[in-house]
N, C-alpha and C. Protein backbone atom coordinates (compact mmCIF):
# COMPACT_ATOMS: atom_id res chain seq x y z
N MET A 1 -7.60 22.74 32.11
CA MET A 1 -7.35 23.04 30.56
C MET A 1 -6.13 23.79 30.60
N ILE A 2 -5.24 23.43 29.56
CA ILE A 2 -4.04 24.08 29.27
C ILE A 2 -4.12 24.85 27.90
N HIS A 3 -3.61 26.01 27.93
CA HIS A 3 -3.69 26.82 26.69
C HIS A 3 -2.25 26.81 26.08
N ILE A 4 -2.23 26.56 24.83
CA ILE A 4 -0.96 26.35 24.02
C ILE A 4 -0.88 27.51 22.89
N TRP A 5 0.11 28.15 22.88
CA TRP A 5 0.31 29.21 21.85
C TRP A 5 1.11 28.62 20.68
N THR A 6 0.67 28.73 19.53
CA THR A 6 1.60 28.23 18.35
C THR A 6 1.72 29.39 17.37
N CYS A 7 2.72 29.33 16.61
CA CYS A 7 3.09 30.30 15.70
C CYS A 7 3.69 29.62 14.43
N LEU A 8 2.81 29.54 13.43
CA LEU A 8 3.26 28.86 12.16
C LEU A 8 3.60 29.86 11.11
N ASP A 9 2.64 30.95 11.04
CA ASP A 9 2.89 31.88 10.08
C ASP A 9 3.06 33.35 10.47
N GLY A 10 3.67 33.44 11.63
CA GLY A 10 3.82 34.74 12.28
C GLY A 10 2.67 35.25 13.08
N MET A 11 1.57 34.53 12.99
CA MET A 11 0.40 34.90 13.72
C MET A 11 0.20 33.88 14.83
N ALA A 12 0.22 34.38 16.09
CA ALA A 12 0.02 33.49 17.24
C ALA A 12 -1.44 32.94 17.33
N ARG A 13 -1.55 31.70 17.72
CA ARG A 13 -2.89 31.08 17.78
C ARG A 13 -2.87 30.27 19.17
N LYS A 14 -4.09 30.33 19.77
CA LYS A 14 -4.18 29.64 20.98
C LYS A 14 -4.97 28.31 20.79
N LYS A 15 -4.38 27.20 21.29
CA LYS A 15 -5.05 25.96 21.18
C LYS A 15 -5.46 25.51 22.60
N LYS A 16 -6.45 24.87 22.82
CA LYS A 16 -6.82 24.33 24.26
C LYS A 16 -6.75 22.87 24.14
N ARG A 17 -6.13 22.28 25.20
CA ARG A 17 -6.15 20.86 25.40
C ARG A 17 -6.31 20.46 26.82
N ARG A 18 -6.65 19.30 27.02
CA ARG A 18 -7.01 18.82 28.45
C ARG A 18 -5.94 18.38 29.27
N ASP A 19 -4.67 17.94 28.59
CA ASP A 19 -3.53 17.46 29.27
C ASP A 19 -2.32 18.00 28.64
N ASP A 20 -1.18 17.68 28.94
CA ASP A 20 0.04 18.23 28.44
C ASP A 20 0.65 17.43 27.28
N THR A 21 -0.13 16.58 26.63
CA THR A 21 0.34 15.90 25.54
C THR A 21 0.20 16.70 24.22
N MET A 22 0.98 16.42 23.13
CA MET A 22 0.89 17.06 21.83
C MET A 22 -0.50 16.74 21.27
N VAL A 23 -1.06 17.84 20.66
CA VAL A 23 -2.24 17.56 19.89
C VAL A 23 -1.90 17.62 18.39
N MET A 24 -1.95 16.41 17.82
CA MET A 24 -1.75 16.43 16.38
C MET A 24 -2.97 16.39 15.66
N GLU A 25 -3.11 17.33 14.69
CA GLU A 25 -4.33 17.51 13.97
C GLU A 25 -3.99 17.32 12.42
N PRO A 26 -4.93 16.69 11.76
CA PRO A 26 -4.63 16.38 10.32
C PRO A 26 -4.77 17.71 9.58
N ILE A 27 -3.83 17.92 8.52
CA ILE A 27 -3.77 19.09 7.71
C ILE A 27 -3.79 18.56 6.23
N SER A 28 -4.07 19.46 5.41
CA SER A 28 -4.10 19.19 3.87
C SER A 28 -2.60 19.12 3.40
N VAL A 29 -2.46 18.46 2.21
CA VAL A 29 -1.10 18.43 1.66
C VAL A 29 -0.67 19.84 1.25
N GLU A 30 -1.68 20.67 0.86
CA GLU A 30 -1.33 22.05 0.43
C GLU A 30 -0.88 22.85 1.71
N LYS A 31 -1.42 22.69 2.83
CA LYS A 31 -0.94 23.26 4.10
C LYS A 31 0.43 22.80 4.41
N ALA A 32 0.66 21.39 4.26
CA ALA A 32 1.86 20.86 4.52
C ALA A 32 3.03 21.44 3.58
N MET A 33 2.57 21.63 2.39
CA MET A 33 3.51 22.23 1.32
C MET A 33 3.98 23.60 1.85
N GLU A 34 3.02 24.35 2.37
CA GLU A 34 3.28 25.76 2.81
C GLU A 34 4.30 25.63 3.94
N ILE A 35 4.06 24.83 4.93
CA ILE A 35 4.92 24.73 6.12
C ILE A 35 6.23 24.20 5.75
N ALA A 36 6.28 23.21 4.68
CA ALA A 36 7.54 22.65 4.27
C ALA A 36 8.44 23.72 3.61
N ARG A 37 7.75 24.46 2.73
CA ARG A 37 8.43 25.61 2.09
C ARG A 37 9.12 26.55 3.08
N LYS A 38 8.32 27.06 4.12
CA LYS A 38 8.97 27.87 5.08
C LYS A 38 10.10 27.23 5.95
N LYS A 39 10.05 25.88 6.15
CA LYS A 39 11.09 25.19 6.84
C LYS A 39 12.28 24.74 5.98
N GLY A 40 12.12 24.88 4.70
CA GLY A 40 13.16 24.32 3.76
C GLY A 40 13.32 22.78 3.72
N ILE A 41 12.06 22.15 3.85
CA ILE A 41 12.03 20.74 3.72
C ILE A 41 11.25 20.38 2.54
N LYS A 42 11.39 19.13 2.00
CA LYS A 42 10.76 18.50 0.88
C LYS A 42 10.20 17.19 1.09
N PRO A 43 9.25 16.74 0.24
CA PRO A 43 8.83 15.28 0.42
C PRO A 43 9.92 14.39 -0.01
N GLY A 44 10.02 13.29 0.73
CA GLY A 44 11.02 12.39 0.24
C GLY A 44 10.57 10.94 0.44
N ARG A 45 11.37 9.97 -0.03
CA ARG A 45 10.95 8.48 0.15
C ARG A 45 12.29 7.92 0.47
N VAL A 46 12.19 6.87 1.31
CA VAL A 46 13.31 5.97 1.65
C VAL A 46 13.61 5.11 0.35
N LYS A 47 14.78 5.20 -0.19
CA LYS A 47 15.14 4.52 -1.49
C LYS A 47 14.62 3.03 -1.45
N ASP A 48 14.13 2.68 -2.55
CA ASP A 48 13.77 1.25 -2.78
C ASP A 48 12.52 0.87 -1.81
N THR A 49 11.74 1.85 -1.32
CA THR A 49 10.61 1.45 -0.51
C THR A 49 9.41 2.44 -0.98
N ASN A 50 8.32 2.24 -0.27
CA ASN A 50 7.10 3.23 -0.66
C ASN A 50 6.83 4.04 0.74
N GLY A 51 7.87 4.10 1.53
CA GLY A 51 7.68 4.97 2.78
C GLY A 51 8.07 6.36 2.46
N VAL A 52 7.14 7.28 2.88
CA VAL A 52 7.47 8.63 2.60
C VAL A 52 7.67 9.42 3.92
N GLN A 53 8.38 10.52 3.78
CA GLN A 53 8.68 11.42 4.96
C GLN A 53 9.20 12.79 4.48
N PHE A 54 9.46 13.62 5.32
CA PHE A 54 9.94 14.94 5.03
C PHE A 54 11.39 14.93 5.18
N THR A 55 12.11 15.65 4.35
CA THR A 55 13.49 15.66 4.37
C THR A 55 14.15 17.09 3.98
N LYS A 56 15.36 17.40 4.40
CA LYS A 56 16.07 18.51 3.92
C LYS A 56 16.82 18.13 2.71
N GLY A 57 16.86 16.80 2.45
CA GLY A 57 17.67 16.35 1.21
C GLY A 57 19.06 16.10 1.46
N ARG A 58 19.55 15.89 2.76
CA ARG A 58 21.01 15.60 3.03
C ARG A 58 21.18 14.19 3.38
N ASN A 59 20.16 13.41 3.55
CA ASN A 59 20.26 11.91 3.96
C ASN A 59 20.47 11.22 2.61
N PRO A 60 21.57 10.37 2.31
CA PRO A 60 21.78 9.66 1.26
C PRO A 60 20.87 8.51 1.09
N ARG A 61 20.17 8.06 2.15
CA ARG A 61 19.14 6.94 2.08
C ARG A 61 17.86 7.44 1.50
N LEU A 62 17.57 8.74 1.46
CA LEU A 62 16.27 9.27 1.08
C LEU A 62 16.50 9.93 -0.37
N GLU A 63 15.41 9.84 -1.11
CA GLU A 63 15.37 10.57 -2.42
C GLU A 63 14.20 11.45 -2.41
N ILE A 64 14.45 12.70 -2.88
CA ILE A 64 13.39 13.67 -2.96
C ILE A 64 12.42 13.40 -4.02
N ILE A 65 11.16 13.41 -3.71
CA ILE A 65 10.08 13.19 -4.66
C ILE A 65 9.20 14.41 -4.89
N ASP A 66 8.47 14.39 -6.04
CA ASP A 66 7.66 15.61 -6.21
C ASP A 66 6.31 15.45 -5.35
N TRP A 67 5.55 16.62 -5.21
CA TRP A 67 4.43 16.73 -4.43
C TRP A 67 3.27 15.85 -4.92
N ASP A 68 3.23 15.70 -6.13
CA ASP A 68 2.31 14.83 -6.66
C ASP A 68 2.36 13.32 -6.33
N GLU A 69 3.70 12.92 -6.45
CA GLU A 69 3.99 11.51 -5.97
C GLU A 69 3.71 11.38 -4.43
N PHE A 70 4.05 12.37 -3.63
CA PHE A 70 3.91 12.28 -2.32
C PHE A 70 2.41 12.22 -1.92
N LYS A 71 1.61 12.97 -2.57
CA LYS A 71 0.14 12.91 -2.43
C LYS A 71 -0.30 11.62 -2.82
N SER A 72 -0.09 11.11 -3.97
CA SER A 72 -0.41 9.74 -4.41
C SER A 72 -0.08 8.71 -3.47
N THR A 73 1.08 8.73 -2.92
CA THR A 73 1.54 7.71 -1.91
C THR A 73 0.75 7.83 -0.70
N LEU A 74 0.49 8.98 -0.16
CA LEU A 74 -0.36 9.13 1.00
C LEU A 74 -1.69 8.47 0.73
N SER A 75 -2.36 8.76 -0.34
CA SER A 75 -3.68 8.23 -0.75
C SER A 75 -3.68 6.75 -0.84
N LYS A 76 -2.70 6.18 -1.56
CA LYS A 76 -2.56 4.78 -1.66
C LYS A 76 -2.49 4.01 -0.36
N ARG A 77 -1.62 4.58 0.49
CA ARG A 77 -1.33 3.92 1.79
C ARG A 77 -2.27 4.40 2.89
N ARG A 78 -3.17 5.19 2.56
CA ARG A 78 -4.26 5.74 3.58
C ARG A 78 -3.52 6.42 4.67
N LEU A 79 -2.65 7.32 4.31
CA LEU A 79 -1.84 8.13 5.21
C LEU A 79 -2.31 9.47 5.15
N ALA A 80 -1.95 10.38 6.20
CA ALA A 80 -2.30 11.66 6.09
C ALA A 80 -1.17 12.49 6.86
N VAL A 81 -1.12 13.85 6.70
CA VAL A 81 -0.16 14.71 7.39
C VAL A 81 -0.78 15.25 8.55
N PHE A 82 -0.05 15.19 9.77
CA PHE A 82 -0.61 15.77 10.95
C PHE A 82 0.33 16.87 11.41
N GLU A 83 -0.22 17.87 12.05
CA GLU A 83 0.59 18.85 12.58
C GLU A 83 0.33 19.34 13.98
N SER A 84 1.29 19.84 14.66
CA SER A 84 1.08 20.27 15.94
C SER A 84 2.34 21.37 16.24
N GLY A 85 1.91 22.62 16.46
CA GLY A 85 2.91 23.56 16.74
C GLY A 85 4.05 23.65 15.73
N GLY A 86 3.76 23.52 14.46
CA GLY A 86 4.72 23.63 13.34
C GLY A 86 5.50 22.32 13.06
N TRP A 87 5.30 21.25 13.95
CA TRP A 87 5.81 20.02 13.64
C TRP A 87 4.95 19.08 12.84
N MET A 88 5.41 18.38 11.76
CA MET A 88 4.63 17.61 10.94
C MET A 88 4.94 16.10 11.11
N LYS A 89 3.93 15.33 10.97
CA LYS A 89 4.21 13.80 11.07
C LYS A 89 3.21 13.17 10.10
N ILE A 90 3.67 12.08 9.40
CA ILE A 90 2.92 11.42 8.59
C ILE A 90 2.42 10.12 9.37
N MET A 91 1.07 9.93 9.47
CA MET A 91 0.49 8.84 10.17
C MET A 91 -0.70 8.29 9.35
N LYS A 92 -1.27 7.14 9.88
CA LYS A 92 -2.46 6.61 9.33
C LYS A 92 -3.50 7.62 9.39
N ALA A 93 -4.27 7.79 8.28
CA ALA A 93 -5.39 8.74 8.24
C ALA A 93 -6.46 8.22 9.20
N LYS A 94 -7.06 9.26 9.85
CA LYS A 94 -8.25 9.03 10.64
C LYS A 94 -9.42 8.55 9.85
N ARG A 95 -10.29 7.71 10.18
CA ARG A 95 -11.41 7.41 9.38
C ARG A 95 -12.56 8.26 9.74
């Protein structure tokens, strides 16, 4: 068993895992908004597609979208935000 210490909001948390791979856990869009605000990132979309991701807004191929559109796109495409140690990733939602 490996113990992993994470710090998202200034409070250390211990997570247990059985091996040394990253443990990605689903989080709510509200929690993603909180993490994004702290990291200075925003929801974005690759121009002319329905692909969503997080961005700092400096990539000309991405356009910043509002959180309602982000949430709607996640729902329509059956995606979810996963987090591990402050890192966020958008992947297919677990059923």
